[in-house]
Amino acid sequence: MKFSVLGLVASLNAVSAFQVQPSLLKRSGSPYKKFNNNNIKQTSTPKTTTSALSVVDVSENANRDLGSFDQWATECGVQRADGFQLTTNDGNDYSVMTEQQIAADTPVLYVPSDMILSSRMARQEFGMLPEVENQLASAKAGDGIEHFYLFLKILSEYMQGEDSAWYPWLNSLPRFYSNGASMTLFCFDCLPPFAGWLASNERIRFTQFFESLKFVPFVTPELRNKVELAKWAFAVVHTRCFETPDGDVKIVPMADMFNHGADTEAECVINYDGDGNAYAYSKFDIPAGYPLRISYGDFTNPSKLLARYGFLDESSPASFCKIMITDPDQRLIDMGYDYSKMLFFKETGEVSEEVWDVLLYMNLANEPEQQQAFYNAHVNGDYDTKQQYHQHYFQQTLGSLQSHVNNFLGELDQLSRKADGKNVREHPRLPLIMGHNEFVKQTFLKVKNNIDNM
């Protein structure tokens, strides 16, 4: 997850609205008990909460205990704006909404710093693990080192059971995930190439983390063999963490309940004060009954959100055009080859300028002098010359685009046929994957309708 930073005025408003108090975060014992709390709103009958266990039950059908979590959060100093509610339709998936109107630039949530799980603090707690860091770096996973320390923190707290200060939070978390690391091999067979590549990267990263546990001296042999537990801890980290500008990776209990909204839709942003306390602020006036969301990142890449977080963002206005180029050179990147720029737009079927530019540049490979001249016009901002090239080679570029769109639609149909007749109980992530594929298909059909009439 990523966050935006508000200005000093918002920080001052937060201090005046929420009184910073010493946290009551408990480090031992098991003082937590089940209860019904008015801050959790059930919109349908929830599943019955099971009795507390010595460790969290991470099986996929285990129940979540949001009541004890909510009480624990309040006792530890979490403060919420009036109207802040946790809500659920089925007792499994929870989100945040407001029952009262919230004005713009208003703090809606405060979480004290010692409730926040941090990769930096985990590294201090466990000490540096050079063998792990070298192992990850050699596997080209060096960018995941901070996440690994947080992954290790989750496993450490899990093994403490009810003695963990974070037990109520851990026991409130989802057990079933649909991110790439949680998918089955059949799931991958049903994904188109780009989404499959992103999901497989998540699966590979999990394997790298799991294999690296053998280099952690205090991890027991028993823990090293718990694949499903490790998958759960990996999913917790990678679906609930915030990456901060200073290189830290944090999980903020209660703030991790915010669902995703596109940058233009997300009602809230998260900021930290000088002591590391977290605040969520409203970006604009929010009517009563509305969700409270933050942006998880690039809203033009629903396939990435599926692979990383395990959900489909149907509000995404556009998606990557699925033109896959292995190891694009710098010139292709200069021309605009970027997953966040090479876009097909969902509602209109429009094609971004970068798609036309990259296709024409590739088509000119057999005419090196013309390709060089087109490239020069692009990097020098010579719009008129670029347009002349586009006009002259339009039919060739259009043909390449039509061929790509038609071939990809054919691939999607083949993937749909693979899923026909499959038992959803055996493949519970299949409806989500088919929903993703249908979302992409409808976008491509809009594009096809446009370009076929050019």
Foldseek 3Di string as FASTA:
>chain_A
DEFDADDPVLVVLVCVVAPDDAFPQAQFDFPFDADDDPQEEEPDDADDADDADQFADLPQPHAARVRRVVVNQVRGRKDFDAQWHWYDHYRFAIAIFGQAKDAASHWGIWGDQVQKQKLVVLCVVQPDQVVLCVLCVVVVNNLCNSLLSSLVVVVVQRVSGSSHSCNNVVRRDHSDFQALLRADPLLLLLFPDVLSVLSVVLVVVLVSSLVSVVSRVPDDPVNSPPSSVSSRSSLCQQQAWYQDPVGMIMGGPPLSRAAADPPVPAQWGWDADPNGMITIGGRRIDHRPGGHHYHPDQLQDQSNCCNRGNAGDLVRQWFFPPPDDPPDDPLLVLLPPDRSQQIQGQPQRDTGPSLLSNLLLVVCPVVVVVSVVLSVCSNVVVVVVVVVSCVVCVVVSLVVSLVSLVVVLVVNVVSVVSCPPDDCVVVVSVVRSNVNSVSVNSSSVSNNVVSVVD
